[in-house]
Amino acid sequence: MYVVPRPDVNDDPLHAVRLASMAVAAFALIPFVQPAIPPLLVALPVGLMAGMRKAFDPKKAFGGPIAFIVMVWVMSTIVSLTQPLQFLLIAVMGVLYFLGFYLIQKTGNPMGMLLLVVTVLMSVMGMSSTAALEVMRDGFTEACIVAAILIPLLYLIFPPVAKENLVEVYTQSPGPHAASALIRAVVLLVMSFWLYAVIDMSNLMLAVAATFVLVFPTQETFFAEAKERTVATGLGACAAGLILFALTFNAHLPVLLSLIFLAGLFFGSRMMRGHYPGMVYQFAFSVTVSLVAGALSTQEPGYAAMSRTLLTLAGAAAAAFATAALEAIFLPRLSHFDQPEHRPA
C-alpha cells in the first residue's frame, strides 16, 4: 500500500499555513453552506489537501474530489437498489471489499482504499435507512465541491517552492494476492455485519479504522498502522479538547477560527518534522477538526472524543489480530498456489 512521504520544508515551506487556512476556510463556510454533515465538510477537504506534495497537481486537486463524488453516487445507487434484499446487499459488499483489497495487494494503488472506504460508509448508512444514505451522499458531495474550490485557491495564495509534481511509485504486495485479499474482505465484512445487525451507525468508526489497517500487506505494517491510528486519534482528541475548553471562556467565531488555525500550524509543521510519521499528524488534525465541528453541531464533545478513540482502538486491534490469525492458519497452505509452477493446467 502506497503511503505518501512527509512534506519537505524545502519543497513547500508554506505547507502548514496552507493546511491551517483550509481548515479555517471550511469552518467559516459552515454557516453559509449549512452542510448535511458539518464534520465532513471540514475533514474531507483538509484530508485531500494534506495528502498533496510538492507542486500543485490539478489531477489531484480536481480528480480526487471528482472521483469521490462519482464513487459515492455509484455506491449509493448500488446500495439503494440492493437494500430491499439485505443478503444480496451483503454479498455485493463482500465482492466490492475483495476487489478493493485485491487492487491494493496487486498494484499498491490507493484507489482501492477509496473504493473500500466509500463501500463501508455507504453500506452501513444504507442498512440504517435510505434517509441516512442520502445524507451521507449529500455530505460527501458538498465536501468534495468545497475541496475542489478551496484547494486551487489556497495553492494560488500560498504557492509551494517546488515546480515538479511528486512521482508516486506503486508496488505490489508480497504473497498470494487473492488469498490475502479474501482474508481481509472476510474480516471487514464480519465487522461491517456487526454494524449492520448488532450496533448502530454511530459506531461507524469501528469499520473505518479497520479498513485503514487492513490495506497494509504484512503483519508488521498493519500492526504499526493500528498503533499509529490510535496515537493519532488520541492526539487529535486532546487538541480538540483544548480548543473546546478555550471556547468555554470565549465562544466567538474569530476565537474558534484562530484556535483552529493554530492547531493546523502545529500539526502541519509536525507533519514535516515530528517524531511520528507524517500521516499520524495528518490524521490527528482531521480528528481535531471533525470533533470540534461535531461538538459545535450536535455531539457531546467528551463522549465523542472518548468513543472515537475507543472505536478506533477496537476496530484497528480487532482487524489486525483477526487478519494475523487467519493468515497464520490459511496462507501457509495457500501460498504455493500463487506460484506459476503450482497452478493447475
Protein backbone atom coordinates (compact mmCIF):
# COMPACT_ATOMS: atom_id res chain seq x y z
CA MET A 1 0.00 0.00 0.00
CA TYR A 2 1.48 3.32 -1.09
CA VAL A 3 2.00 5.84 1.73
CA VAL A 4 2.66 9.45 0.78
CA PRO A 5 6.00 10.70 2.19
CA ARG A 6 6.44 13.58 4.60
CA PRO A 7 6.14 17.08 3.13
CA ASP A 8 9.58 18.60 2.63
CA VAL A 9 10.07 22.11 4.01
CA ASN A 10 12.39 22.91 1.10
CA ASP A 11 9.69 21.97 -1.40
CA ASP A 12 6.78 23.55 0.42
CA PRO A 13 7.66 25.92 3.30
CA LEU A 14 4.05 27.17 3.48
CA HIS A 15 2.55 23.68 3.85
CA ALA A 16 1.42 24.22 7.45
CA VAL A 17 -0.01 27.67 6.71
CA ARG A 18 -1.99 26.33 3.74
CA LEU A 19 -3.29 23.37 5.75
CA ALA A 20 -4.38 25.59 8.63
CA SER A 21 -6.02 28.02 6.22
CA MET A 22 -8.00 25.19 4.63
CA ALA A 23 -9.49 24.22 8.00
CA VAL A 24 -10.30 27.86 8.82
CA ALA A 25 -11.96 28.43 5.44
CA ALA A 26 -14.01 25.25 5.74
CA PHE A 27 -15.19 26.17 9.24
CA ALA A 28 -16.09 29.67 8.05
CA LEU A 29 -18.24 28.15 5.28
CA ILE A 30 -20.36 26.01 7.61
CA PRO A 31 -22.91 28.77 8.47
CA PHE A 32 -23.35 29.59 4.77
CA VAL A 33 -23.38 26.08 3.29
CA GLN A 34 -25.47 24.53 6.10
CA PRO A 35 -23.98 21.11 5.30
CA ALA A 36 -25.71 17.81 5.89
CA ILE A 37 -22.69 16.61 7.93
CA PRO A 38 -20.61 19.56 9.28
CA PRO A 39 -17.56 17.47 10.37
CA LEU A 40 -17.31 16.01 6.86
CA LEU A 41 -17.32 19.46 5.24
CA VAL A 42 -14.17 20.29 7.21
CA ALA A 43 -12.34 16.96 7.47
CA LEU A 44 -12.57 15.84 3.84
CA PRO A 45 -11.07 19.00 2.24
CA VAL A 46 -8.36 19.02 4.92
CA GLY A 47 -7.54 15.37 4.26
CA LEU A 48 -7.48 15.74 0.48
CA MET A 49 -5.16 18.74 0.56
CA ALA A 50 -2.95 17.33 3.32
CA GLY A 51 -2.12 14.38 1.05
CA MET A 52 -0.69 16.60 -1.71
CA ARG A 53 3.06 17.13 -2.03
CA LYS A 54 5.41 19.42 -3.95
CA ALA A 55 3.86 21.47 -6.79
CA PHE A 56 0.15 22.00 -7.30
CA ASP A 57 -1.24 18.96 -9.11
CA PRO A 58 -4.55 19.61 -10.95
CA LYS A 59 -5.13 15.87 -11.27
CA LYS A 60 -5.22 15.53 -7.50
CA ALA A 61 -6.89 18.85 -6.78
CA PHE A 62 -9.80 18.20 -9.13
CA GLY A 63 -9.53 14.46 -9.79
CA GLY A 64 -9.66 13.48 -6.11
CA PRO A 65 -12.95 15.29 -5.32
CA ILE A 66 -14.50 14.19 -8.64
CA ALA A 67 -13.52 10.56 -8.01
CA PHE A 68 -15.07 10.75 -4.54
CA ILE A 69 -18.31 12.21 -5.87
CA VAL A 70 -18.60 9.62 -8.64
CA MET A 71 -17.79 6.76 -6.28
CA VAL A 72 -20.26 7.94 -3.65
CA TRP A 73 -23.12 8.34 -6.11
CA VAL A 74 -22.43 4.99 -7.78
CA MET A 75 -22.21 3.25 -4.41
CA SER A 76 -25.35 4.92 -3.08
CA THR A 77 -27.20 3.71 -6.18
CA ILE A 78 -25.93 0.15 -5.71
CA VAL A 79 -26.89 0.17 -2.03
CA SER A 80 -30.34 1.63 -2.65
CA LEU A 81 -31.07 -0.97 -5.36
CA THR A 82 -29.95 -3.93 -3.24
CA GLN A 83 -31.23 -2.65 0.11
CA PRO A 84 -34.60 -4.48 -0.07
CA LEU A 85 -32.71 -7.78 -0.35
CA GLN A 86 -30.24 -7.44 2.51
CA PHE A 87 -28.47 -10.74 1.86
CA LEU A 88 -27.82 -9.56 -1.69
CA LEU A 89 -26.50 -6.25 -0.35
CA ILE A 90 -24.09 -8.06 1.97
CA ALA A 91 -22.94 -10.31 -0.87
CA VAL A 92 -22.31 -7.33 -3.16
CA MET A 93 -20.42 -5.52 -0.40
CA GLY A 94 -18.26 -8.61 0.11
CA VAL A 95 -17.37 -8.71 -3.59
CA LEU A 96 -16.51 -5.00 -3.57
CA TYR A 97 -14.35 -5.46 -0.46
CA PHE A 98 -12.47 -8.25 -2.20
CA LEU A 99 -11.95 -6.14 -5.33
CA GLY A 100 -10.69 -3.19 -3.30
CA PHE A 101 -8.22 -5.27 -1.33
CA TYR A 102 -7.11 -7.18 -4.42
CA LEU A 103 -6.40 -3.91 -6.25
CA ILE A 104 -4.27 -2.73 -3.34
CA GLN A 105 -2.47 -6.07 -2.98
CA LYS A 106 -1.81 -6.43 -6.71
CA THR A 107 -0.86 -2.83 -7.58
CA GLY A 108 -0.47 -0.79 -4.40
CA ASN A 109 -2.78 1.82 -5.91
CA PRO A 110 -4.64 3.83 -3.20
CA MET A 111 -7.76 3.91 -5.40
CA GLY A 112 -8.52 0.55 -3.81
CA MET A 113 -8.72 2.26 -0.41
CA LEU A 114 -11.14 4.84 -1.83
CA LEU A 115 -13.38 2.01 -3.01
CA LEU A 116 -13.22 0.31 0.38
CA VAL A 117 -13.91 3.41 2.48
CA VAL A 118 -16.84 4.52 0.35
CA THR A 119 -18.28 0.99 0.30
CA VAL A 120 -18.10 0.73 4.10
CA LEU A 121 -19.65 4.15 4.70
CA MET A 122 -22.46 3.86 2.18
CA SER A 123 -23.39 0.27 3.03
CA VAL A 124 -23.61 0.93 6.77
CA MET A 125 -25.70 4.05 6.16
CA GLY A 126 -27.88 2.19 3.67
CA MET A 127 -28.53 -0.61 6.14
CA SER A 128 -29.70 2.02 8.62
CA SER A 129 -32.13 3.85 6.33
CA THR A 130 -32.48 5.41 2.90
CA ALA A 131 -32.56 8.85 4.51
CA ALA A 132 -29.21 8.25 6.25
CA LEU A 133 -27.73 7.02 2.96
CA GLU A 134 -28.85 10.20 1.18
CA VAL A 135 -27.49 12.40 3.98
CA MET A 136 -24.08 10.72 3.71
CA ARG A 137 -24.12 11.01 -0.10
CA ASP A 138 -25.05 14.69 0.02
CA GLY A 139 -22.48 15.37 2.75
CA PHE A 140 -19.69 13.86 0.65
CA THR A 141 -20.82 15.79 -2.41
CA GLU A 142 -20.82 19.12 -0.55
CA ALA A 143 -17.41 18.45 0.99
CA CYS A 144 -15.88 17.48 -2.36
CA ILE A 145 -17.20 20.59 -4.07
CA VAL A 146 -15.74 22.74 -1.29
CA ALA A 147 -12.41 20.91 -1.64
CA ALA A 148 -12.33 21.38 -5.43
CA ILE A 149 -12.81 25.13 -4.93
CA LEU A 150 -10.56 25.77 -1.92
CA ILE A 151 -7.54 23.62 -2.80
CA PRO A 152 -6.61 25.51 -6.02
CA LEU A 153 -7.40 28.83 -4.35
CA LEU A 154 -5.14 28.18 -1.37
CA TYR A 155 -2.34 26.87 -3.58
CA LEU A 156 -2.61 30.13 -5.51
CA ILE A 157 -2.42 32.21 -2.32
CA PHE A 158 0.29 30.07 -0.65
CA PRO A 159 2.28 28.54 -3.53
CA PRO A 160 4.95 25.86 -2.92
CA VAL A 161 8.55 26.35 -3.99
CA ALA A 162 8.74 23.05 -5.87
CA LYS A 163 7.85 23.20 -9.57
CA GLU A 164 7.57 19.46 -10.22
CA ASN A 165 4.86 17.07 -9.10
CA LEU A 166 5.52 14.18 -6.76
CA VAL A 167 6.20 10.95 -8.63
CA GLU A 168 4.22 8.20 -6.91
CA VAL A 169 5.60 4.69 -7.35
CA TYR A 170 3.15 1.91 -6.54
CA THR A 171 4.44 -1.58 -5.76
CA GLN A 172 2.53 -4.81 -5.38
CA SER A 173 2.42 -6.60 -2.06
CA PRO A 174 4.28 -9.88 -1.44
CA GLY A 175 2.49 -13.19 -1.15
CA PRO A 176 -0.67 -14.64 -2.65
CA HIS A 177 -2.71 -11.56 -3.53
CA ALA A 178 -6.09 -13.23 -3.99
CA ALA A 179 -5.83 -15.15 -0.72
CA SER A 180 -4.70 -12.08 1.22
CA ALA A 181 -7.48 -10.00 -0.30
CA LEU A 182 -10.06 -12.68 0.52
CA ILE A 183 -8.97 -12.87 4.16
CA ARG A 184 -9.14 -9.10 4.53
CA ALA A 185 -12.52 -8.95 2.81
CA VAL A 186 -13.91 -11.57 5.19
CA VAL A 187 -12.60 -9.71 8.25
CA LEU A 188 -14.02 -6.39 7.08
CA LEU A 189 -17.34 -7.96 6.09
CA VAL A 190 -17.70 -9.51 9.55
CA MET A 191 -17.02 -6.13 11.18
CA SER A 192 -19.44 -4.44 8.79
CA PHE A 193 -22.09 -7.08 9.55
CA TRP A 194 -21.63 -6.28 13.24
CA LEU A 195 -22.60 -2.70 12.36
CA TYR A 196 -25.40 -3.85 10.06
CA ALA A 197 -27.08 -6.14 12.57
CA VAL A 198 -25.95 -5.50 16.15
CA ILE A 199 -24.85 -1.91 16.79
CA ASP A 200 -25.91 1.30 15.09
CA MET A 201 -24.25 3.62 12.58
CA SER A 202 -22.95 5.92 15.34
CA ASN A 203 -20.19 3.31 15.78
CA LEU A 204 -19.14 3.61 12.14
CA MET A 205 -15.53 4.41 13.09
CA LEU A 206 -15.13 0.76 14.12
CA ALA A 207 -15.19 -0.41 10.50
CA VAL A 208 -13.43 2.68 9.11
CA ALA A 209 -10.46 2.17 11.46
CA ALA A 210 -10.34 -1.49 10.45
CA THR A 211 -10.26 -0.52 6.77
CA PHE A 212 -7.24 1.73 7.18
CA VAL A 213 -5.37 -1.07 8.93
CA LEU A 214 -6.31 -3.85 6.54
CA VAL A 215 -4.99 -2.09 3.43
CA PHE A 216 -1.44 -2.79 4.61
CA PRO A 217 0.08 -6.06 3.35
CA THR A 218 2.10 -7.54 6.21
CA GLN A 219 1.61 -8.14 9.92
CA GLU A 220 4.37 -5.68 10.78
CA THR A 221 2.82 -2.89 8.72
CA PHE A 222 -0.80 -3.34 9.74
CA PHE A 223 0.07 -3.61 13.45
CA ALA A 224 2.18 -0.46 13.07
CA GLU A 225 -0.74 1.27 11.33
CA ALA A 226 -3.12 0.22 14.11
CA LYS A 227 -0.79 1.77 16.68
CA GLU A 228 -0.32 4.96 14.66
CA ARG A 229 -4.07 5.38 14.07
CA THR A 230 -4.71 5.07 17.80
CA VAL A 231 -1.95 7.55 18.66
CA ALA A 232 -3.25 9.99 16.03
CA THR A 233 -6.80 9.74 17.37
CA GLY A 234 -5.55 10.43 20.88
CA LEU A 235 -3.53 13.45 19.74
CA GLY A 236 -6.45 14.82 17.75
CA ALA A 237 -8.89 14.30 20.64
CA CYS A 238 -6.55 16.13 23.03
CA ALA A 239 -6.20 19.06 20.64
CA ALA A 240 -9.97 19.20 20.14
CA GLY A 241 -10.48 19.12 23.91
CA LEU A 242 -8.15 22.08 24.38
CA ILE A 243 -9.94 24.08 21.69
CA LEU A 244 -13.38 23.35 23.13
CA PHE A 245 -12.18 24.16 26.65
CA ALA A 246 -10.86 27.52 25.47
CA LEU A 247 -14.20 28.22 23.81
CA THR A 248 -15.96 27.93 27.18
CA PHE A 249 -14.34 31.27 28.07
CA ASN A 250 -14.98 32.99 24.75
CA ALA A 251 -17.09 31.25 22.12
CA HIS A 252 -16.96 33.88 19.38
CA LEU A 253 -16.28 32.78 15.79
CA PRO A 254 -12.94 34.67 15.45
CA VAL A 255 -11.64 32.87 18.55
CA LEU A 256 -12.69 29.49 17.14
CA LEU A 257 -11.06 30.19 13.79
CA SER A 258 -7.86 31.40 15.47
CA LEU A 259 -7.62 28.24 17.57
CA ILE A 260 -8.25 26.04 14.54
CA PHE A 261 -5.53 27.92 12.64
CA LEU A 262 -3.05 27.38 15.49
CA ALA A 263 -3.89 23.66 15.60
CA GLY A 264 -3.38 23.47 11.84
CA LEU A 265 0.00 25.18 12.13
CA PHE A 266 1.06 22.76 14.85
CA PHE A 267 0.01 19.56 13.08
CA GLY A 268 1.16 20.84 9.68
CA SER A 269 4.64 21.60 10.99
CA ARG A 270 4.76 18.25 12.82
CA MET A 271 3.97 16.52 9.53
CA MET A 272 7.33 17.80 8.29
CA ARG A 273 9.45 17.41 11.42
CA GLY A 274 7.52 15.41 14.02
CA HIS A 275 8.59 12.35 15.99
CA TYR A 276 5.87 10.18 14.43
CA PRO A 277 5.38 9.60 10.69
CA GLY A 278 3.74 12.49 8.86
CA MET A 279 0.47 10.60 8.35
CA VAL A 280 -0.03 10.42 12.12
CA TYR A 281 -0.20 14.20 12.38
CA GLN A 282 -2.29 14.48 9.23
CA PHE A 283 -4.87 12.10 10.64
CA ALA A 284 -4.68 13.77 14.05
CA PHE A 285 -5.61 17.13 12.54
CA SER A 286 -8.54 15.53 10.70
CA VAL A 287 -9.71 14.09 14.02
CA THR A 288 -9.37 17.50 15.67
CA VAL A 289 -11.46 19.39 13.14
CA SER A 290 -14.05 16.57 12.99
CA LEU A 291 -14.54 16.53 16.74
CA VAL A 292 -14.72 20.32 17.02
CA ALA A 293 -17.18 20.61 14.15
CA GLY A 294 -19.27 17.79 15.60
CA ALA A 295 -19.25 19.32 19.07
CA LEU A 296 -20.42 22.66 17.69
CA SER A 297 -23.30 20.99 15.86
CA THR A 298 -24.86 18.06 17.71
CA GLN A 299 -22.35 15.87 19.55
CA GLU A 300 -21.32 16.00 23.20
CA PRO A 301 -17.57 16.64 22.89
CA GLY A 302 -16.29 14.48 25.75
CA TYR A 303 -18.32 11.47 24.72
CA ALA A 304 -17.47 11.97 21.03
CA ALA A 305 -13.73 12.10 21.73
CA MET A 306 -13.79 9.08 24.03
CA SER A 307 -15.98 6.99 21.73
CA ARG A 308 -13.91 7.81 18.65
CA THR A 309 -10.68 6.88 20.42
CA LEU A 310 -12.10 3.62 21.76
CA LEU A 311 -13.72 2.67 18.45
CA THR A 312 -10.50 3.37 16.56
CA LEU A 313 -8.54 1.25 19.01
CA ALA A 314 -11.11 -1.56 18.95
CA GLY A 315 -11.53 -1.56 15.17
CA ALA A 316 -7.82 -1.37 14.43
CA ALA A 317 -6.85 -4.00 17.00
CA ALA A 318 -9.64 -6.42 16.07
CA ALA A 319 -8.82 -6.17 12.37
CA ALA A 320 -5.09 -6.62 12.94
CA PHE A 321 -5.39 -9.63 15.25
CA ALA A 322 -8.12 -11.33 13.20
CA THR A 323 -6.16 -10.93 9.97
CA ALA A 324 -2.94 -12.14 11.57
CA ALA A 325 -4.70 -15.22 12.92
CA LEU A 326 -6.37 -16.10 9.61
CA GLU A 327 -3.14 -15.58 7.67
CA ALA A 328 -1.27 -17.81 10.10
CA ILE A 329 -3.88 -20.53 9.56
CA PHE A 330 -4.52 -20.33 5.81
CA LEU A 331 -1.72 -18.55 3.96
CA PRO A 332 0.99 -21.16 4.54
CA ARG A 333 -1.33 -23.67 2.87
CA LEU A 334 -2.40 -21.37 0.06
CA SER A 335 0.83 -19.58 -0.79
CA HIS A 336 2.10 -22.30 -3.12
CA PHE A 337 -0.95 -21.81 -5.39
CA ASP A 338 0.29 -18.29 -6.14
CA GLN A 339 3.41 -19.66 -7.85
CA PRO A 340 3.05 -20.43 -11.61
CA GLU A 341 4.54 -23.88 -11.35
CA HIS A 342 1.85 -24.99 -8.89
CA ARG A 343 -1.15 -23.70 -10.82
CA PRO A 344 -3.27 -26.40 -12.43
CA ALA A 345 -3.11 -26.71 -16.19
